[in-house]
Protein backbone atom coordinates (compact mmCIF):
# COMPACT_ATOMS: atom_id res chain seq x y z
CA MET A 1 -1.92 3.85 -21.11
CA GLU A 2 -3.54 0.69 -22.35
CA LYS A 3 -6.43 -0.56 -20.23
CA LEU A 4 -6.13 -4.25 -19.53
CA PRO A 5 -9.38 -6.12 -20.22
CA GLN A 6 -10.63 -8.73 -17.80
CA MET A 7 -8.24 -11.67 -17.99
CA THR A 8 -6.76 -14.60 -16.13
CA LYS A 9 -3.22 -14.87 -14.83
CA ASP A 10 -2.37 -17.24 -17.72
CA GLN A 11 -3.73 -14.75 -20.27
CA LEU A 12 -1.70 -11.98 -18.64
CA SER A 13 1.44 -14.13 -18.76
CA GLU A 14 0.94 -14.60 -22.51
CA LYS A 15 0.40 -10.86 -23.05
CA ILE A 16 3.52 -9.75 -21.15
CA LYS A 17 5.91 -12.53 -22.19
CA ASP A 18 8.00 -10.21 -24.41
CA GLY A 19 9.20 -6.80 -23.27
CA ARG A 20 9.02 -4.66 -20.16
CA TYR A 21 5.63 -3.98 -18.59
CA MET A 22 4.36 -1.98 -15.66
CA LEU A 23 0.95 -2.96 -14.29
CA PHE A 24 -0.90 -0.14 -12.54
CA PHE A 25 -3.68 -1.50 -10.32
CA SER A 26 -6.39 0.97 -9.34
CA ALA A 27 -10.16 1.40 -9.01
CA THR A 28 -12.55 4.22 -9.83
CA TRP A 29 -13.72 4.58 -6.21
CA CYS A 30 -10.19 4.73 -4.73
CA PRO A 31 -9.14 8.24 -3.56
CA ASP A 32 -5.45 7.30 -3.36
CA CYS A 33 -5.65 6.05 -6.96
CA ALA A 34 -7.23 9.36 -8.01
CA PHE A 35 -4.30 11.12 -6.30
CA ILE A 36 -1.62 9.43 -8.46
CA LYS A 37 -3.60 9.19 -11.74
CA PRO A 38 -2.83 12.78 -12.89
CA ALA A 39 0.92 12.03 -12.62
CA MET A 40 0.73 8.80 -14.60
CA PRO A 41 1.11 10.33 -18.12
CA ALA A 42 4.33 12.07 -17.02
CA ILE A 43 5.64 8.90 -15.36
CA GLU A 44 4.79 6.91 -18.46
CA ALA A 45 6.64 9.44 -20.65
CA GLU A 46 9.73 9.27 -18.41
CA TYR A 47 9.99 5.48 -18.78
CA PRO A 48 9.40 4.68 -22.46
CA ASP A 49 11.12 1.29 -22.08
CA PHE A 50 8.07 0.12 -20.10
CA LYS A 51 4.62 -0.47 -21.56
CA PHE A 52 2.17 0.67 -18.91
CA LEU A 53 -1.04 -1.30 -18.45
CA ALA A 54 -3.93 0.03 -16.38
CA VAL A 55 -5.63 -2.74 -14.41
CA ASP A 56 -9.05 -2.02 -12.89
CA ARG A 57 -8.85 -3.99 -9.68
CA ASP A 58 -12.63 -4.48 -9.54
CA GLU A 59 -12.87 -5.79 -13.11
CA ASN A 60 -9.85 -8.04 -12.50
CA ILE A 61 -10.39 -9.05 -8.88
CA ASP A 62 -9.39 -12.67 -9.53
CA LEU A 63 -6.18 -11.54 -11.26
CA ALA A 64 -5.42 -9.16 -8.39
CA VAL A 65 -5.89 -11.97 -5.87
CA ASP A 66 -3.75 -14.35 -7.95
CA LEU A 67 -0.98 -11.71 -8.04
CA ASN A 68 -1.40 -10.95 -4.32
CA VAL A 69 -2.42 -7.34 -4.92
CA LEU A 70 -4.48 -6.58 -1.85
CA GLY A 71 -4.03 -2.81 -1.73
CA ILE A 72 -4.31 -0.11 -4.38
CA PRO A 73 -2.88 1.84 -6.04
CA SER A 74 -0.15 -0.68 -6.74
CA PHE A 75 2.49 -1.35 -9.37
CA ILE A 76 4.11 -4.58 -10.58
CA ALA A 77 7.00 -4.54 -13.07
CA TYR A 78 7.76 -7.36 -15.49
CA ASN A 79 10.59 -8.09 -17.90
CA ASN A 80 9.86 -10.76 -20.52
CA GLY A 81 7.13 -12.24 -18.34
CA GLU A 82 9.19 -12.38 -15.14
CA GLU A 83 8.27 -10.15 -12.21
CA ILE A 84 11.20 -7.83 -11.47
CA GLY A 85 9.65 -5.68 -8.75
CA ARG A 86 6.50 -4.63 -6.98
CA PHE A 87 5.28 -1.56 -5.15
CA VAL A 88 2.17 -3.10 -3.65
CA ASN A 89 0.38 -1.72 -0.60
CA LYS A 90 -2.69 0.30 0.23
CA ASP A 91 -0.86 3.58 0.85
CA ARG A 92 -1.13 6.76 -1.19
CA LYS A 93 1.83 7.04 -3.56
CA THR A 94 3.49 10.21 -4.82
CA LYS A 95 5.01 10.67 -8.26
CA GLN A 96 8.47 10.69 -6.63
CA GLN A 97 7.82 7.40 -4.82
CA VAL A 98 6.71 5.71 -8.06
CA GLU A 99 9.77 7.08 -9.89
CA ASP A 100 12.05 5.89 -7.07
CA PHE A 101 10.50 2.40 -7.36
CA ILE A 102 11.04 2.29 -11.13
CA ASN A 103 14.59 3.68 -10.87
CA ALA A 104 15.49 0.96 -8.35
CA LEU A 105 14.49 -1.87 -10.71
């Protein structure tokens, strides 16, 4: 999974303008993020049509605020730069819940 460097919302829009992307917001100190992280390689492998981008919420706090990501771990899906779905809250997420979110897109 590619780690997103610190960037603005405009820079992100340019990066994700072509293709399908899944942003995964997390932080190193977050226990619920640590819970889902081991499942992420399998989830990523199951959905090869999405390019997964890891977003450190602390390094990208302004981006998180601009995208209204107040809780982590959280996921936002994009298709050609347009948001097509979000699974954003502060609750712990299971592999099945993340898969259900992606399948519903």
